[in-house]
Amino acid sequence: MNWSEGGVKLSELMLSASLRLYTLLLLIYPGSFRREYGELMIQLFRDPIGDGIRQRGFLGVIKVW
């Protein structure tokens, strides 16, 4: 999807919102676990979300979630 609104692509908004929500959900984990694995967990989420957006747009985001 290449819709734009104010110069920001919808795909960028979906990626940003998904990452923010996922990062908030990581707060459920203990701090020591987040410090050790948080960045890796975010990366492991970011890759399939980005792929899903590129391949199927919103449906790709839903599939990853």
PDB file of N, CA and C in Angstrom:
ATOM      1  N   MET A   1       0.845  -1.183   0.000  1.00  0.00           N
ATOM      2  CA  MET A   1       0.000   0.000   0.000  1.00  0.00           C
ATOM      3  C   MET A   1       0.879   1.231   0.000  1.00  0.00           C
ATOM      4  N   ASN A   2       0.627   2.119  -0.901  1.00  0.00           N
ATOM      5  CA  ASN A   2       1.428   3.323  -0.980  1.00  0.00           C
ATOM      6  C   ASN A   2       0.593   4.578  -0.771  1.00  0.00           C
ATOM      7  N   TRP A   3      -0.446   4.472   0.026  1.00  0.00           N
ATOM      8  CA  TRP A   3      -1.239   5.654   0.319  1.00  0.00           C
ATOM      9  C   TRP A   3      -0.396   6.608   1.136  1.00  0.00           C
ATOM     10  N   SER A   4      -0.569   7.881   0.885  1.00  0.00           N
ATOM     11  CA  SER A   4       0.180   8.878   1.650  1.00  0.00           C
ATOM     12  C   SER A   4      -0.784   9.863   2.264  1.00  0.00           C
ATOM     13  N   GLU A   5      -0.418  10.330   3.422  1.00  0.00           N
ATOM     14  CA  GLU A   5      -1.192  11.374   4.082  1.00  0.00           C
ATOM     15  C   GLU A   5      -0.191  12.306   4.735  1.00  0.00           C
ATOM     16  N   GLY A   6      -0.118  13.517   4.245  1.00  0.00           N
ATOM     17  CA  GLY A   6       0.831  14.465   4.808  1.00  0.00           C
ATOM     18  C   GLY A   6       2.275  14.035   4.601  1.00  0.00           C
ATOM     19  N   GLY A   7       2.553  13.291   3.543  1.00  0.00           N
ATOM     20  CA  GLY A   7       3.907  12.876   3.244  1.00  0.00           C
ATOM     21  C   GLY A   7       4.352  11.627   3.991  1.00  0.00           C
ATOM     22  N   VAL A   8       3.503  11.100   4.864  1.00  0.00           N
ATOM     23  CA  VAL A   8       3.849   9.886   5.616  1.00  0.00           C
ATOM     24  C   VAL A   8       3.055   8.723   5.042  1.00  0.00           C
ATOM     25  N   LYS A   9       3.761   7.669   4.674  1.00  0.00           N
ATOM     26  CA  LYS A   9       3.095   6.506   4.096  1.00  0.00           C
ATOM     27  C   LYS A   9       2.320   5.745   5.157  1.00  0.00           C
ATOM     28  N   LEU A  10       1.211   5.182   4.741  1.00  0.00           N
ATOM     29  CA  LEU A  10       0.394   4.367   5.635  1.00  0.00           C
ATOM     30  C   LEU A  10       1.208   3.188   6.170  1.00  0.00           C
ATOM     31  N   SER A  11       2.053   2.624   5.330  1.00  0.00           N
ATOM     32  CA  SER A  11       2.872   1.492   5.767  1.00  0.00           C
ATOM     33  C   SER A  11       3.804   1.894   6.905  1.00  0.00           C
ATOM     34  N   GLU A  12       4.353   3.103   6.856  1.00  0.00           N
ATOM     35  CA  GLU A  12       5.222   3.587   7.928  1.00  0.00           C
ATOM     36  C   GLU A  12       4.439   3.772   9.227  1.00  0.00           C
ATOM     37  N   LEU A  13       3.202   4.246   9.099  1.00  0.00           N
ATOM     38  CA  LEU A  13       2.359   4.421  10.278  1.00  0.00           C
ATOM     39  C   LEU A  13       2.006   3.078  10.912  1.00  0.00           C
ATOM     40  N   MET A  14       1.690   2.081  10.073  1.00  0.00           N
ATOM     41  CA  MET A  14       1.366   0.754  10.595  1.00  0.00           C
ATOM     42  C   MET A  14       2.572   0.135  11.292  1.00  0.00           C
ATOM     43  N   LEU A  15       3.753   0.285  10.714  1.00  0.00           N
ATOM     44  CA  LEU A  15       4.966  -0.257  11.313  1.00  0.00           C
ATOM     45  C   LEU A  15       5.253   0.431  12.636  1.00  0.00           C
ATOM     46  N   SER A  16       5.176   1.735  12.647  1.00  0.00           N
ATOM     47  CA  SER A  16       5.452   2.499  13.862  1.00  0.00           C
ATOM     48  C   SER A  16       4.466   2.154  14.981  1.00  0.00           C
ATOM     49  N   ALA A  17       3.187   2.096  14.653  1.00  0.00           N
ATOM     50  CA  ALA A  17       2.169   1.784  15.662  1.00  0.00           C
ATOM     51  C   ALA A  17       2.348   0.365  16.198  1.00  0.00           C
ATOM     52  N   SER A  18       2.646  -0.584  15.325  1.00  0.00           N
ATOM     53  CA  SER A  18       2.853  -1.960  15.764  1.00  0.00           C
ATOM     54  C   SER A  18       4.057  -2.073  16.692  1.00  0.00           C
ATOM     55  N   LEU A  19       5.139  -1.403  16.336  1.00  0.00           N
ATOM     56  CA  LEU A  19       6.340  -1.449  17.176  1.00  0.00           C
ATOM     57  C   LEU A  19       6.110  -0.789  18.532  1.00  0.00           C
ATOM     58  N   ARG A  20       5.379   0.311  18.542  1.00  0.00           N
ATOM     59  CA  ARG A  20       5.081   0.974  19.826  1.00  0.00           C
ATOM     60  C   ARG A  20       4.242   0.071  20.718  1.00  0.00           C
ATOM     61  N   LEU A  21       3.225  -0.551  20.143  1.00  0.00           N
ATOM     62  CA  LEU A  21       2.369  -1.439  20.922  1.00  0.00           C
ATOM     63  C   LEU A  21       3.155  -2.635  21.431  1.00  0.00           C
ATOM     64  N   TYR A  22       3.963  -3.231  20.587  1.00  0.00           N
ATOM     65  CA  TYR A  22       4.762  -4.381  20.999  1.00  0.00           C
ATOM     66  C   TYR A  22       5.739  -3.992  22.115  1.00  0.00           C
ATOM     67  N   THR A  23       6.357  -2.840  21.977  1.00  0.00           N
ATOM     68  CA  THR A  23       7.290  -2.364  23.002  1.00  0.00           C
ATOM     69  C   THR A  23       6.557  -2.164  24.333  1.00  0.00           C
ATOM     70  N   LEU A  24       5.354  -1.637  24.286  1.00  0.00           N
ATOM     71  CA  LEU A  24       4.567  -1.483  25.513  1.00  0.00           C
ATOM     72  C   LEU A  24       4.237  -2.841  26.124  1.00  0.00           C
ATOM     73  N   LEU A  25       3.916  -3.808  25.288  1.00  0.00           N
ATOM     74  CA  LEU A  25       3.607  -5.144  25.798  1.00  0.00           C
ATOM     75  C   LEU A  25       4.824  -5.795  26.453  1.00  0.00           C
ATOM     76  N   LEU A  26       6.005  -5.437  26.006  1.00  0.00           N
ATOM     77  CA  LEU A  26       7.218  -5.985  26.609  1.00  0.00           C
ATOM     78  C   LEU A  26       7.388  -5.536  28.060  1.00  0.00           C
ATOM     79  N   LEU A  27       6.700  -4.477  28.448  1.00  0.00           N
ATOM     80  CA  LEU A  27       6.784  -4.009  29.837  1.00  0.00           C
ATOM     81  C   LEU A  27       6.213  -5.026  30.819  1.00  0.00           C
ATOM     82  N   ILE A  28       5.457  -5.979  30.303  1.00  0.00           N
ATOM     83  CA  ILE A  28       4.908  -7.044  31.149  1.00  0.00           C
ATOM     84  C   ILE A  28       6.027  -7.924  31.695  1.00  0.00           C
ATOM     85  N   TYR A  29       7.087  -8.070  30.910  1.00  0.00           N
ATOM     86  CA  TYR A  29       8.211  -8.906  31.330  1.00  0.00           C
ATOM     87  C   TYR A  29       9.020  -8.211  32.425  1.00  0.00           C
ATOM     88  N   PRO A  30       9.685  -8.981  33.269  1.00  0.00           N
ATOM     89  CA  PRO A  30      10.554  -8.384  34.295  1.00  0.00           C
ATOM     90  C   PRO A  30      11.676  -7.559  33.652  1.00  0.00           C
ATOM     91  N   GLY A  31      12.098  -6.532  34.359  1.00  0.00           N
ATOM     92  CA  GLY A  31      13.129  -5.633  33.847  1.00  0.00           C
ATOM     93  C   GLY A  31      14.410  -6.334  33.456  1.00  0.00           C
ATOM     94  N   SER A  32      14.844  -7.289  34.254  1.00  0.00           N
ATOM     95  CA  SER A  32      16.089  -7.996  33.937  1.00  0.00           C
ATOM     96  C   SER A  32      15.960  -8.767  32.621  1.00  0.00           C
ATOM     97  N   PHE A  33      14.790  -9.344  32.377  1.00  0.00           N
ATOM     98  CA  PHE A  33      14.555 -10.070  31.129  1.00  0.00           C
ATOM     99  C   PHE A  33      14.556  -9.099  29.958  1.00  0.00           C
ATOM    100  N   ARG A  34      13.892  -7.952  30.111  1.00  0.00           N
ATOM    101  CA  ARG A  34      13.843  -6.947  29.039  1.00  0.00           C
ATOM    102  C   ARG A  34      15.224  -6.427  28.709  1.00  0.00           C
ATOM    103  N   ARG A  35      16.034  -6.178  29.737  1.00  0.00           N
ATOM    104  CA  ARG A  35      17.379  -5.676  29.486  1.00  0.00           C
ATOM    105  C   ARG A  35      18.204  -6.686  28.685  1.00  0.00           C
ATOM    106  N   GLU A  36      18.028  -7.947  28.986  1.00  0.00           N
ATOM    107  CA  GLU A  36      18.819  -8.972  28.301  1.00  0.00           C
ATOM    108  C   GLU A  36      18.274  -9.308  26.921  1.00  0.00           C
ATOM    109  N   TYR A  37      16.965  -9.385  26.772  1.00  0.00           N
ATOM    110  CA  TYR A  37      16.369  -9.885  25.534  1.00  0.00           C
ATOM    111  C   TYR A  37      15.479  -8.895  24.789  1.00  0.00           C
ATOM    112  N   GLY A  38      15.225  -7.736  25.372  1.00  0.00           N
ATOM    113  CA  GLY A  38      14.266  -6.795  24.785  1.00  0.00           C
ATOM    114  C   GLY A  38      14.578  -6.391  23.357  1.00  0.00           C
ATOM    115  N   GLU A  39      15.820  -5.992  23.095  1.00  0.00           N
ATOM    116  CA  GLU A  39      16.175  -5.548  21.737  1.00  0.00           C
ATOM    117  C   GLU A  39      16.039  -6.688  20.731  1.00  0.00           C
ATOM    118  N   LEU A  40      16.441  -7.880  21.124  1.00  0.00           N
ATOM    119  CA  LEU A  40      16.307  -9.041  20.240  1.00  0.00           C
ATOM    120  C   LEU A  40      14.840  -9.346  19.965  1.00  0.00           C
ATOM    121  N   MET A  41      14.012  -9.265  20.989  1.00  0.00           N
ATOM    122  CA  MET A  41      12.579  -9.529  20.803  1.00  0.00           C
ATOM    123  C   MET A  41      11.954  -8.504  19.861  1.00  0.00           C
ATOM    124  N   ILE A  42      12.350  -7.251  20.003  1.00  0.00           N
ATOM    125  CA  ILE A  42      11.826  -6.209  19.114  1.00  0.00           C
ATOM    126  C   ILE A  42      12.267  -6.474  17.680  1.00  0.00           C
ATOM    127  N   GLN A  43      13.527  -6.848  17.498  1.00  0.00           N
ATOM    128  CA  GLN A  43      14.013  -7.145  16.147  1.00  0.00           C
ATOM    129  C   GLN A  43      13.282  -8.339  15.546  1.00  0.00           C
ATOM    130  N   LEU A  44      13.050  -9.358  16.368  1.00  0.00           N
ATOM    131  CA  LEU A  44      12.351 -10.540  15.877  1.00  0.00           C
ATOM    132  C   LEU A  44      10.885 -10.259  15.554  1.00  0.00           C
ATOM    133  N   PHE A  45      10.345  -9.196  16.100  1.00  0.00           N
ATOM    134  CA  PHE A  45       8.987  -8.763  15.764  1.00  0.00           C
ATOM    135  C   PHE A  45       9.013  -7.827  14.555  1.00  0.00           C
ATOM    136  N   ARG A  46       9.999  -6.936  14.520  1.00  0.00           N
ATOM    137  CA  ARG A  46      10.082  -5.924  13.466  1.00  0.00           C
ATOM    138  C   ARG A  46      10.207  -6.561  12.077  1.00  0.00           C
ATOM    139  N   ASP A  47      11.006  -7.597  11.964  1.00  0.00           N
ATOM    140  CA  ASP A  47      11.229  -8.205  10.650  1.00  0.00           C
ATOM    141  C   ASP A  47       9.949  -8.770  10.035  1.00  0.00           C
ATOM    142  N   PRO A  48       9.201  -9.635  10.735  1.00  0.00           N
ATOM    143  CA  PRO A  48       7.975 -10.148  10.110  1.00  0.00           C
ATOM    144  C   PRO A  48       6.887  -9.085   9.916  1.00  0.00           C
ATOM    145  N   ILE A  49       6.829  -8.098  10.803  1.00  0.00           N
ATOM    146  CA  ILE A  49       5.854  -7.013  10.611  1.00  0.00           C
ATOM    147  C   ILE A  49       6.179  -6.254   9.327  1.00  0.00           C
ATOM    148  N   GLY A  50       7.454  -5.909   9.153  1.00  0.00           N
ATOM    149  CA  GLY A  50       7.860  -5.203   7.931  1.00  0.00           C
ATOM    150  C   GLY A  50       7.580  -6.021   6.685  1.00  0.00           C
ATOM    151  N   ASP A  51       7.895  -7.307   6.733  1.00  0.00           N
ATOM    152  CA  ASP A  51       7.621  -8.188   5.594  1.00  0.00           C
ATOM    153  C   ASP A  51       6.123  -8.268   5.318  1.00  0.00           C
ATOM    154  N   GLY A  52       5.344  -8.409   6.384  1.00  0.00           N
ATOM    155  CA  GLY A  52       3.889  -8.491   6.223  1.00  0.00           C
ATOM    156  C   GLY A  52       3.309  -7.244   5.595  1.00  0.00           C
ATOM    157  N   ILE A  53       3.795  -6.088   6.018  1.00  0.00           N
ATOM    158  CA  ILE A  53       3.315  -4.821   5.451  1.00  0.00           C
ATOM    159  C   ILE A  53       3.674  -4.744   3.973  1.00  0.00           C
ATOM    160  N   ARG A  54       4.911  -5.092   3.638  1.00  0.00           N
ATOM    161  CA  ARG A  54       5.334  -5.023   2.231  1.00  0.00           C
ATOM    162  C   ARG A  54       4.547  -5.992   1.350  1.00  0.00           C
ATOM    163  N   GLN A  55       4.245  -7.168   1.877  1.00  0.00           N
ATOM    164  CA  GLN A  55       3.598  -8.180   1.060  1.00  0.00           C
ATOM    165  C   GLN A  55       2.077  -8.041   0.992  1.00  0.00           C
ATOM    166  N   ARG A  56       1.448  -7.693   2.139  1.00  0.00           N
ATOM    167  CA  ARG A  56      -0.015  -7.731   2.171  1.00  0.00           C
ATOM    168  C   ARG A  56      -0.649  -6.509   2.814  1.00  0.00           C
ATOM    169  N   GLY A  57       0.145  -5.530   3.187  1.00  0.00           N
ATOM    170  CA  GLY A  57      -0.417  -4.337   3.804  1.00  0.00           C
ATOM    171  C   GLY A  57      -1.016  -4.637   5.171  1.00  0.00           C
ATOM    172  N   PHE A  58      -2.199  -4.083   5.414  1.00  0.00           N
ATOM    173  CA  PHE A  58      -2.859  -4.242   6.709  1.00  0.00           C
ATOM    174  C   PHE A  58      -3.090  -5.712   7.056  1.00  0.00           C
ATOM    175  N   LEU A  59      -3.452  -6.514   6.064  1.00  0.00           N
ATOM    176  CA  LEU A  59      -3.676  -7.939   6.317  1.00  0.00           C
ATOM    177  C   LEU A  59      -2.397  -8.629   6.781  1.00  0.00           C
ATOM    178  N   GLY A  60      -1.258  -8.179   6.286  1.00  0.00           N
ATOM    179  CA  GLY A  60       0.010  -8.723   6.731  1.00  0.00           C
ATOM    180  C   GLY A  60       0.282  -8.412   8.188  1.00  0.00           C
ATOM    181  N   VAL A  61      -0.110  -7.209   8.626  1.00  0.00           N
ATOM    182  CA  VAL A  61       0.038  -6.826  10.040  1.00  0.00           C
ATOM    183  C   VAL A  61      -0.841  -7.708  10.908  1.00  0.00           C
ATOM    184  N   ILE A  62      -2.080  -7.896  10.491  1.00  0.00           N
ATOM    185  CA  ILE A  62      -3.011  -8.730  11.244  1.00  0.00           C
ATOM    186  C   ILE A  62      -2.482 -10.151  11.365  1.00  0.00           C
ATOM    187  N   LYS A  63      -1.927 -10.669  10.288  1.00  0.00           N
ATOM    188  CA  LYS A  63      -1.414 -12.036  10.307  1.00  0.00           C
ATOM    189  C   LYS A  63      -0.270 -12.192  11.323  1.00  0.00           C
ATOM    190  N   VAL A  64       0.614 -11.208  11.407  1.00  0.00           N
ATOM    191  CA  VAL A  64       1.728 -11.291  12.362  1.00  0.00           C
ATOM    192  C   VAL A  64       1.212 -11.188  13.788  1.00  0.00           C
ATOM    193  N   TRP A  65       0.269 -10.286  14.028  1.00  0.00           N
ATOM    194  CA  TRP A  65      -0.259 -10.143  15.379  1.00  0.00           C
ATOM    195  C   TRP A  65      -1.025 -11.378  15.763  1.00  0.00           C
TER     196      TRP A  65
END
